[in-house]
Amino acid sequence: MAGGWARDGAVSEQIEASINDELARMKTRKAPVGESLTHCAECEEEIPEARRKAIPGVKLCIDCMQERDNAFKARGGINRRGSKDSQLK
């Protein structure tokens, strides 16, 4: 079903392109490398042995890692549609 001037399947293509972009971005994330630290690189709390075994090369404790993961990271959005409505949102 096309909407407005869009051709059939255009919305599905937009969704698929967005998913592929996000998957590509996630693949570029670097996994920890090297030996795990016994103490957190930021707060110097001891990193539990179970965490060090589960994630080889871990450098941060759970609290510091959660804080870093929850930090806002602005990324440029892509207006694939190019319509007036999508630019107003």
PDB file of N, CA and C in Angstrom:
ATOM      1  N   MET A   1       0.838  -1.178   0.000  1.00  0.00           N
ATOM      2  CA  MET A   1       0.000   0.000   0.000  1.00  0.00           C
ATOM      3  C   MET A   1       0.882   1.240   0.000  1.00  0.00           C
ATOM      4  N   ALA A   2       0.731   2.054  -0.970  1.00  0.00           N
ATOM      5  CA  ALA A   2       1.511   3.285  -1.065  1.00  0.00           C
ATOM      6  C   ALA A   2       0.735   4.419  -0.415  1.00  0.00           C
ATOM      7  N   GLY A   3       1.473   5.354   0.147  1.00  0.00           N
ATOM      8  CA  GLY A   3       0.839   6.516   0.749  1.00  0.00           C
ATOM      9  C   GLY A   3       1.316   7.772   0.054  1.00  0.00           C
ATOM     10  N   GLY A   4       0.399   8.581  -0.402  1.00  0.00           N
ATOM     11  CA  GLY A   4       0.790   9.825  -1.069  1.00  0.00           C
ATOM     12  C   GLY A   4       1.519   9.535  -2.361  1.00  0.00           C
ATOM     13  N   TRP A   5       2.705  10.119  -2.502  1.00  0.00           N
ATOM     14  CA  TRP A   5       3.480   9.970  -3.732  1.00  0.00           C
ATOM     15  C   TRP A   5       4.457   8.794  -3.667  1.00  0.00           C
ATOM     16  N   ALA A   6       4.514   8.113  -2.533  1.00  0.00           N
ATOM     17  CA  ALA A   6       5.459   7.002  -2.373  1.00  0.00           C
ATOM     18  C   ALA A   6       4.999   5.797  -3.188  1.00  0.00           C
ATOM     19  N   ARG A   7       5.957   5.065  -3.704  1.00  0.00           N
ATOM     20  CA  ARG A   7       5.629   3.870  -4.464  1.00  0.00           C
ATOM     21  C   ARG A   7       5.378   2.708  -3.505  1.00  0.00           C
ATOM     22  N   ASP A   8       4.803   1.637  -4.015  1.00  0.00           N
ATOM     23  CA  ASP A   8       4.515   0.463  -3.192  1.00  0.00           C
ATOM     24  C   ASP A   8       5.805  -0.078  -2.585  1.00  0.00           C
ATOM     25  N   GLY A   9       5.757  -0.402  -1.296  1.00  0.00           N
ATOM     26  CA  GLY A   9       6.912  -0.983  -0.623  1.00  0.00           C
ATOM     27  C   GLY A   9       7.910   0.040  -0.104  1.00  0.00           C
ATOM     28  N   ALA A  10       7.667   1.324  -0.291  1.00  0.00           N
ATOM     29  CA  ALA A  10       8.624   2.349   0.121  1.00  0.00           C
ATOM     30  C   ALA A  10       8.794   2.374   1.640  1.00  0.00           C
ATOM     31  N   VAL A  11       7.713   2.204   2.372  1.00  0.00           N
ATOM     32  CA  VAL A  11       7.788   2.231   3.832  1.00  0.00           C
ATOM     33  C   VAL A  11       8.593   1.038   4.333  1.00  0.00           C
ATOM     34  N   SER A  12       8.343  -0.117   3.761  1.00  0.00           N
ATOM     35  CA  SER A  12       9.104  -1.314   4.148  1.00  0.00           C
ATOM     36  C   SER A  12      10.587  -1.138   3.850  1.00  0.00           C
ATOM     37  N   GLU A  13      10.900  -0.514   2.737  1.00  0.00           N
ATOM     38  CA  GLU A  13      12.307  -0.260   2.400  1.00  0.00           C
ATOM     39  C   GLU A  13      12.949   0.697   3.393  1.00  0.00           C
ATOM     40  N   GLN A  14      12.203   1.701   3.846  1.00  0.00           N
ATOM     41  CA  GLN A  14      12.721   2.637   4.839  1.00  0.00           C
ATOM     42  C   GLN A  14      13.026   1.923   6.146  1.00  0.00           C
ATOM     43  N   ILE A  15      12.104   1.087   6.583  1.00  0.00           N
ATOM     44  CA  ILE A  15      12.285   0.344   7.830  1.00  0.00           C
ATOM     45  C   ILE A  15      13.480  -0.594   7.705  1.00  0.00           C
ATOM     46  N   GLU A  16      13.563  -1.308   6.611  1.00  0.00           N
ATOM     47  CA  GLU A  16      14.672  -2.238   6.401  1.00  0.00           C
ATOM     48  C   GLU A  16      16.018  -1.510   6.358  1.00  0.00           C
ATOM     49  N   ALA A  17      16.062  -0.358   5.712  1.00  0.00           N
ATOM     50  CA  ALA A  17      17.303   0.418   5.647  1.00  0.00           C
ATOM     51  C   ALA A  17      17.713   0.911   7.030  1.00  0.00           C
ATOM     52  N   SER A  18      16.743   1.324   7.839  1.00  0.00           N
ATOM     53  CA  SER A  18      17.044   1.779   9.205  1.00  0.00           C
ATOM     54  C   SER A  18      17.585   0.629  10.052  1.00  0.00           C
ATOM     55  N   ILE A  19      16.987  -0.527   9.924  1.00  0.00           N
ATOM     56  CA  ILE A  19      17.454  -1.701  10.668  1.00  0.00           C
ATOM     57  C   ILE A  19      18.861  -2.075  10.234  1.00  0.00           C
ATOM     58  N   ASN A  20      19.118  -2.081   8.935  1.00  0.00           N
ATOM     59  CA  ASN A  20      20.454  -2.421   8.437  1.00  0.00           C
ATOM     60  C   ASN A  20      21.504  -1.417   8.915  1.00  0.00           C
ATOM     61  N   ASP A  21      21.152  -0.137   8.963  1.00  0.00           N
ATOM     62  CA  ASP A  21      22.079   0.881   9.473  1.00  0.00           C
ATOM     63  C   ASP A  21      22.424   0.632  10.934  1.00  0.00           C
ATOM     64  N   GLU A  22      21.414   0.312  11.730  1.00  0.00           N
ATOM     65  CA  GLU A  22      21.642   0.073  13.155  1.00  0.00           C
ATOM     66  C   GLU A  22      22.468  -1.192  13.372  1.00  0.00           C
ATOM     67  N   LEU A  23      22.202  -2.237  12.613  1.00  0.00           N
ATOM     68  CA  LEU A  23      22.993  -3.464  12.723  1.00  0.00           C
ATOM     69  C   LEU A  23      24.451  -3.213  12.348  1.00  0.00           C
ATOM     70  N   ALA A  24      24.674  -2.434  11.314  1.00  0.00           N
ATOM     71  CA  ALA A  24      26.045  -2.101  10.907  1.00  0.00           C
ATOM     72  C   ALA A  24      26.747  -1.298  11.993  1.00  0.00           C
ATOM     73  N   ARG A  25      26.022  -0.382  12.639  1.00  0.00           N
ATOM     74  CA  ARG A  25      26.606   0.413  13.718  1.00  0.00           C
ATOM     75  C   ARG A  25      26.977  -0.470  14.904  1.00  0.00           C
ATOM     76  N   MET A  26      26.119  -1.429  15.209  1.00  0.00           N
ATOM     77  CA  MET A  26      26.384  -2.319  16.340  1.00  0.00           C
ATOM     78  C   MET A  26      27.567  -3.238  16.065  1.00  0.00           C
ATOM     79  N   LYS A  27      27.759  -3.643  14.818  1.00  0.00           N
ATOM     80  CA  LYS A  27      28.875  -4.519  14.472  1.00  0.00           C
ATOM     81  C   LYS A  27      30.217  -3.820  14.615  1.00  0.00           C
ATOM     82  N   THR A  28      30.217  -2.492  14.517  1.00  0.00           N
ATOM     83  CA  THR A  28      31.479  -1.753  14.630  1.00  0.00           C
ATOM     84  C   THR A  28      31.892  -1.515  16.079  1.00  0.00           C
ATOM     85  N   ARG A  29      30.989  -1.811  17.024  1.00  0.00           N
ATOM     86  CA  ARG A  29      31.346  -1.655  18.439  1.00  0.00           C
ATOM     87  C   ARG A  29      32.474  -2.616  18.771  1.00  0.00           C
ATOM     88  N   LYS A  30      33.431  -2.138  19.496  1.00  0.00           N
ATOM     89  CA  LYS A  30      34.595  -2.954  19.804  1.00  0.00           C
ATOM     90  C   LYS A  30      34.393  -3.725  21.100  1.00  0.00           C
ATOM     91  N   ALA A  31      34.696  -5.002  21.069  1.00  0.00           N
ATOM     92  CA  ALA A  31      34.638  -5.837  22.257  1.00  0.00           C
ATOM     93  C   ALA A  31      35.918  -5.635  23.058  1.00  0.00           C
ATOM     94  N   PRO A  32      35.858  -5.856  24.368  1.00  0.00           N
ATOM     95  CA  PRO A  32      37.073  -5.725  25.177  1.00  0.00           C
ATOM     96  C   PRO A  32      38.174  -6.662  24.672  1.00  0.00           C
ATOM     97  N   VAL A  33      39.401  -6.187  24.745  1.00  0.00           N
ATOM     98  CA  VAL A  33      40.542  -6.958  24.266  1.00  0.00           C
ATOM     99  C   VAL A  33      41.576  -7.039  25.373  1.00  0.00           C
ATOM    100  N   GLY A  34      42.291  -8.146  25.435  1.00  0.00           N
ATOM    101  CA  GLY A  34      43.363  -8.298  26.408  1.00  0.00           C
ATOM    102  C   GLY A  34      42.877  -8.945  27.690  1.00  0.00           C
ATOM    103  N   GLU A  35      43.687  -8.814  28.728  1.00  0.00           N
ATOM    104  CA  GLU A  35      43.341  -9.402  30.019  1.00  0.00           C
ATOM    105  C   GLU A  35      42.350  -8.525  30.763  1.00  0.00           C
ATOM    106  N   SER A  36      41.501  -9.177  31.545  1.00  0.00           N
ATOM    107  CA  SER A  36      40.559  -8.438  32.380  1.00  0.00           C
ATOM    108  C   SER A  36      41.318  -7.795  33.532  1.00  0.00           C
ATOM    109  N   LEU A  37      40.849  -6.622  33.921  1.00  0.00           N
ATOM    110  CA  LEU A  37      41.429  -5.961  35.079  1.00  0.00           C
ATOM    111  C   LEU A  37      40.794  -6.522  36.341  1.00  0.00           C
ATOM    112  N   THR A  38      41.526  -6.524  37.436  1.00  0.00           N
ATOM    113  CA  THR A  38      40.962  -6.977  38.709  1.00  0.00           C
ATOM    114  C   THR A  38      40.166  -5.867  39.381  1.00  0.00           C
ATOM    115  N   HIS A  39      40.504  -4.610  39.037  1.00  0.00           N
ATOM    116  CA  HIS A  39      39.798  -3.456  39.597  1.00  0.00           C
ATOM    117  C   HIS A  39      39.345  -2.545  38.459  1.00  0.00           C
ATOM    118  N   CYS A  40      38.209  -1.897  38.669  1.00  0.00           N
ATOM    119  CA  CYS A  40      37.603  -1.037  37.659  1.00  0.00           C
ATOM    120  C   CYS A  40      38.548   0.099  37.268  1.00  0.00           C
ATOM    121  N   ALA A  41      38.621   0.397  35.984  1.00  0.00           N
ATOM    122  CA  ALA A  41      39.495   1.451  35.477  1.00  0.00           C
ATOM    123  C   ALA A  41      38.991   2.843  35.864  1.00  0.00           C
ATOM    124  N   GLU A  42      37.711   2.975  36.204  1.00  0.00           N
ATOM    125  CA  GLU A  42      37.164   4.286  36.556  1.00  0.00           C
ATOM    126  C   GLU A  42      37.046   4.510  38.052  1.00  0.00           C
ATOM    127  N   CYS A  43      36.427   3.576  38.771  1.00  0.00           N
ATOM    128  CA  CYS A  43      36.175   3.799  40.203  1.00  0.00           C
ATOM    129  C   CYS A  43      37.089   2.982  41.115  1.00  0.00           C
ATOM    130  N   GLU A  44      37.857   2.081  40.540  1.00  0.00           N
ATOM    131  CA  GLU A  44      38.814   1.231  41.247  1.00  0.00           C
ATOM    132  C   GLU A  44      38.181   0.244  42.223  1.00  0.00           C
ATOM    133  N   GLU A  45      36.861  -0.019  42.060  1.00  0.00           N
ATOM    134  CA  GLU A  45      36.213  -1.091  42.818  1.00  0.00           C
ATOM    135  C   GLU A  45      36.659  -2.425  42.232  1.00  0.00           C
ATOM    136  N   GLU A  46      36.661  -3.442  43.048  1.00  0.00           N
ATOM    137  CA  GLU A  46      37.058  -4.759  42.561  1.00  0.00           C
ATOM    138  C   GLU A  46      36.001  -5.303  41.600  1.00  0.00           C
ATOM    139  N   ILE A  47      36.463  -5.863  40.497  1.00  0.00           N
ATOM    140  CA  ILE A  47      35.566  -6.496  39.525  1.00  0.00           C
ATOM    141  C   ILE A  47      35.436  -7.959  39.932  1.00  0.00           C
ATOM    142  N   PRO A  48      34.196  -8.443  40.153  1.00  0.00           N
ATOM    143  CA  PRO A  48      34.007  -9.835  40.572  1.00  0.00           C
ATOM    144  C   PRO A  48      34.624 -10.820  39.575  1.00  0.00           C
ATOM    145  N   GLU A  49      35.137 -11.906  40.109  1.00  0.00           N
ATOM    146  CA  GLU A  49      35.796 -12.909  39.273  1.00  0.00           C
ATOM    147  C   GLU A  49      34.836 -13.491  38.234  1.00  0.00           C
ATOM    148  N   ALA A  50      33.589 -13.661  38.609  1.00  0.00           N
ATOM    149  CA  ALA A  50      32.607 -14.206  37.662  1.00  0.00           C
ATOM    150  C   ALA A  50      32.464 -13.290  36.449  1.00  0.00           C
ATOM    151  N   ARG A  51      32.486 -11.974  36.668  1.00  0.00           N
ATOM    152  CA  ARG A  51      32.396 -11.022  35.551  1.00  0.00           C
ATOM    153  C   ARG A  51      33.643 -11.098  34.689  1.00  0.00           C
ATOM    154  N   ARG A  52      34.793 -11.225  35.311  1.00  0.00           N
ATOM    155  CA  ARG A  52      36.047 -11.300  34.550  1.00  0.00           C
ATOM    156  C   ARG A  52      36.087 -12.552  33.688  1.00  0.00           C
ATOM    157  N   LYS A  53      35.524 -13.634  34.181  1.00  0.00           N
ATOM    158  CA  LYS A  53      35.493 -14.874  33.401  1.00  0.00           C
ATOM    159  C   LYS A  53      34.446 -14.803  32.282  1.00  0.00           C
ATOM    160  N   ALA A  54      33.318 -14.171  32.583  1.00  0.00           N
ATOM    161  CA  ALA A  54      32.232 -14.101  31.597  1.00  0.00           C
ATOM    162  C   ALA A  54      32.563 -13.178  30.437  1.00  0.00           C
ATOM    163  N   ILE A  55      33.295 -12.095  30.715  1.00  0.00           N
ATOM    164  CA  ILE A  55      33.623 -11.115  29.681  1.00  0.00           C
ATOM    165  C   ILE A  55      35.133 -10.927  29.656  1.00  0.00           C
ATOM    166  N   PRO A  56      35.839 -11.714  28.838  1.00  0.00           N
ATOM    167  CA  PRO A  56      37.295 -11.558  28.761  1.00  0.00           C
ATOM    168  C   PRO A  56      37.668 -10.145  28.315  1.00  0.00           C
ATOM    169  N   GLY A  57      38.620  -9.556  29.018  1.00  0.00           N
ATOM    170  CA  GLY A  57      39.085  -8.221  28.658  1.00  0.00           C
ATOM    171  C   GLY A  57      38.284  -7.098  29.289  1.00  0.00           C
ATOM    172  N   VAL A  58      37.420  -7.422  30.260  1.00  0.00           N
ATOM    173  CA  VAL A  58      36.582  -6.403  30.895  1.00  0.00           C
ATOM    174  C   VAL A  58      37.454  -5.413  31.681  1.00  0.00           C
ATOM    175  N   LYS A  59      37.098  -4.131  31.568  1.00  0.00           N
ATOM    176  CA  LYS A  59      37.880  -3.078  32.221  1.00  0.00           C
ATOM    177  C   LYS A  59      37.069  -2.295  33.250  1.00  0.00           C
ATOM    178  N   LEU A  60      35.722  -2.426  33.203  1.00  0.00           N
ATOM    179  CA  LEU A  60      34.852  -1.644  34.082  1.00  0.00           C
ATOM    180  C   LEU A  60      33.975  -2.552  34.930  1.00  0.00           C
ATOM    181  N   CYS A  61      33.642  -2.060  36.134  1.00  0.00           N
ATOM    182  CA  CYS A  61      32.692  -2.786  36.979  1.00  0.00           C
ATOM    183  C   CYS A  61      31.289  -2.620  36.396  1.00  0.00           C
ATOM    184  N   ILE A  62      30.339  -3.344  36.930  1.00  0.00           N
ATOM    185  CA  ILE A  62      28.977  -3.319  36.404  1.00  0.00           C
ATOM    186  C   ILE A  62      28.368  -1.920  36.510  1.00  0.00           C
ATOM    187  N   ASP A  63      28.547  -1.260  37.667  1.00  0.00           N
ATOM    188  CA  ASP A  63      27.958   0.076  37.858  1.00  0.00           C
ATOM    189  C   ASP A  63      28.507   1.080  36.853  1.00  0.00           C
ATOM    190  N   CYS A  64      29.806   1.094  36.665  1.00  0.00           N
ATOM    191  CA  CYS A  64      30.414   2.039  35.713  1.00  0.00           C
ATOM    192  C   CYS A  64      30.001   1.722  34.280  1.00  0.00           C
ATOM    193  N   MET A  65      29.886   0.439  33.963  1.00  0.00           N
ATOM    194  CA  MET A  65      29.483   0.052  32.614  1.00  0.00           C
ATOM    195  C   MET A  65      28.037   0.474  32.349  1.00  0.00           C
ATOM    196  N   GLN A  66      27.154   0.279  33.338  1.00  0.00           N
ATOM    197  CA  GLN A  66      25.759   0.694  33.176  1.00  0.00           C
ATOM    198  C   GLN A  66      25.661   2.206  33.024  1.00  0.00           C
ATOM    199  N   GLU A  67      26.449   2.941  33.797  1.00  0.00           N
ATOM    200  CA  GLU A  67      26.446   4.395  33.693  1.00  0.00           C
ATOM    201  C   GLU A  67      26.897   4.841  32.305  1.00  0.00           C
ATOM    202  N   ARG A  68      27.913   4.189  31.781  1.00  0.00           N
ATOM    203  CA  ARG A  68      28.413   4.524  30.442  1.00  0.00           C
ATOM    204  C   ARG A  68      27.390   4.151  29.369  1.00  0.00           C
ATOM    205  N   ASP A  69      26.751   2.993  29.512  1.00  0.00           N
ATOM    206  CA  ASP A  69      25.749   2.563  28.532  1.00  0.00           C
ATOM    207  C   ASP A  69      24.525   3.470  28.529  1.00  0.00           C
ATOM    208  N   ASN A  70      24.156   3.988  29.695  1.00  0.00           N
ATOM    209  CA  ASN A  70      22.962   4.820  29.801  1.00  0.00           C
ATOM    210  C   ASN A  70      23.226   6.278  29.437  1.00  0.00           C
ATOM    211  N   ALA A  71      24.478   6.642  29.259  1.00  0.00           N
ATOM    212  CA  ALA A  71      24.797   8.022  28.894  1.00  0.00           C
ATOM    213  C   ALA A  71      24.212   8.315  27.516  1.00  0.00           C
ATOM    214  N   PHE A  72      23.670   9.504  27.363  1.00  0.00           N
ATOM    215  CA  PHE A  72      23.054   9.897  26.092  1.00  0.00           C
ATOM    216  C   PHE A  72      24.129  10.077  25.036  1.00  0.00           C
ATOM    217  N   LYS A  73      23.926   9.443  23.904  1.00  0.00           N
ATOM    218  CA  LYS A  73      24.849   9.573  22.787  1.00  0.00           C
ATOM    219  C   LYS A  73      24.045  10.049  21.589  1.00  0.00           C
ATOM    220  N   ALA A  74      24.231  11.285  21.224  1.00  0.00           N
ATOM    221  CA  ALA A  74      23.485  11.834  20.097  1.00  0.00           C
ATOM    222  C   ALA A  74      24.040  11.284  18.792  1.00  0.00           C
ATOM    223  N   ARG A  75      23.144  10.847  17.938  1.00  0.00           N
ATOM    224  CA  ARG A  75      23.526  10.391  16.605  1.00  0.00           C
ATOM    225  C   ARG A  75      22.677  11.148  15.615  1.00  0.00           C
ATOM    226  N   GLY A  76      23.249  11.439  14.509  1.00  0.00           N
ATOM    227  CA  GLY A  76      22.499  12.144  13.476  1.00  0.00           C
ATOM    228  C   GLY A  76      21.444  11.243  12.876  1.00  0.00           C
ATOM    229  N   GLY A  77      20.220  11.732  12.839  1.00  0.00           N
ATOM    230  CA  GLY A  77      19.144  10.961  12.235  1.00  0.00           C
ATOM    231  C   GLY A  77      19.134  11.175  10.730  1.00  0.00           C
ATOM    232  N   ILE A  78      18.571  10.233  10.043  1.00  0.00           N
ATOM    233  CA  ILE A  78      18.491  10.332   8.596  1.00  0.00           C
ATOM    234  C   ILE A  78      17.030  10.448   8.207  1.00  0.00           C
ATOM    235  N   ASN A  79      16.706  11.477   7.474  1.00  0.00           N
ATOM    236  CA  ASN A  79      15.355  11.657   6.980  1.00  0.00           C
ATOM    237  C   ASN A  79      15.264  10.962   5.626  1.00  0.00           C
ATOM    238  N   ARG A  80      14.930   9.693   5.669  1.00  0.00           N
ATOM    239  CA  ARG A  80      14.874   8.910   4.435  1.00  0.00           C
ATOM    240  C   ARG A  80      13.669   9.309   3.591  1.00  0.00           C
ATOM    241  N   ARG A  81      12.654   9.752   4.229  1.00  0.00           N
ATOM    242  CA  ARG A  81      11.412  10.013   3.521  1.00  0.00           C
ATOM    243  C   ARG A  81      11.482  11.326   2.746  1.00  0.00           C
ATOM    244  N   GLY A  82      12.047  12.343   3.360  1.00  0.00           N
ATOM    245  CA  GLY A  82      12.194  13.610   2.671  1.00  0.00           C
ATOM    246  C   GLY A  82      10.907  14.391   2.518  1.00  0.00           C
ATOM    247  N   SER A  83       9.852  13.955   3.204  1.00  0.00           N
ATOM    248  CA  SER A  83       8.586  14.667   3.079  1.00  0.00           C
ATOM    249  C   SER A  83       8.510  15.792   4.100  1.00  0.00           C
ATOM    250  N   LYS A  84       7.600  16.704   3.873  1.00  0.00           N
ATOM    251  CA  LYS A  84       7.418  17.830   4.778  1.00  0.00           C
ATOM    252  C   LYS A  84       7.009  17.336   6.167  1.00  0.00           C
ATOM    253  N   ASP A  85       6.128  16.337   6.240  1.00  0.00           N
ATOM    254  CA  ASP A  85       5.665  15.827   7.520  1.00  0.00           C
ATOM    255  C   ASP A  85       6.808  15.240   8.339  1.00  0.00           C
ATOM    256  N   SER A  86       7.700  14.478   7.721  1.00  0.00           N
ATOM    257  CA  SER A  86       8.774  13.843   8.481  1.00  0.00           C
ATOM    258  C   SER A  86       9.801  14.872   8.944  1.00  0.00           C
ATOM    259  N   GLN A  87       9.892  16.003   8.282  1.00  0.00           N
ATOM    260  CA  GLN A  87      10.833  17.048   8.682  1.00  0.00           C
ATOM    261  C   GLN A  87      10.306  17.858   9.843  1.00  0.00           C
ATOM    262  N   LEU A  88       9.010  17.861  10.041  1.00  0.00           N
ATOM    263  CA  LEU A  88       8.404  18.632  11.125  1.00  0.00           C
ATOM    264  C   LEU A  88       8.442  17.912  12.453  1.00  0.00           C
ATOM    265  N   LYS A  89       8.684  16.619  12.466  1.00  0.00           N
ATOM    266  CA  LYS A  89       8.677  15.835  13.703  1.00  0.00           C
ATOM    267  C   LYS A  89       9.926  16.054  14.498  1.00  0.00           C
TER     268      LYS A  89
END
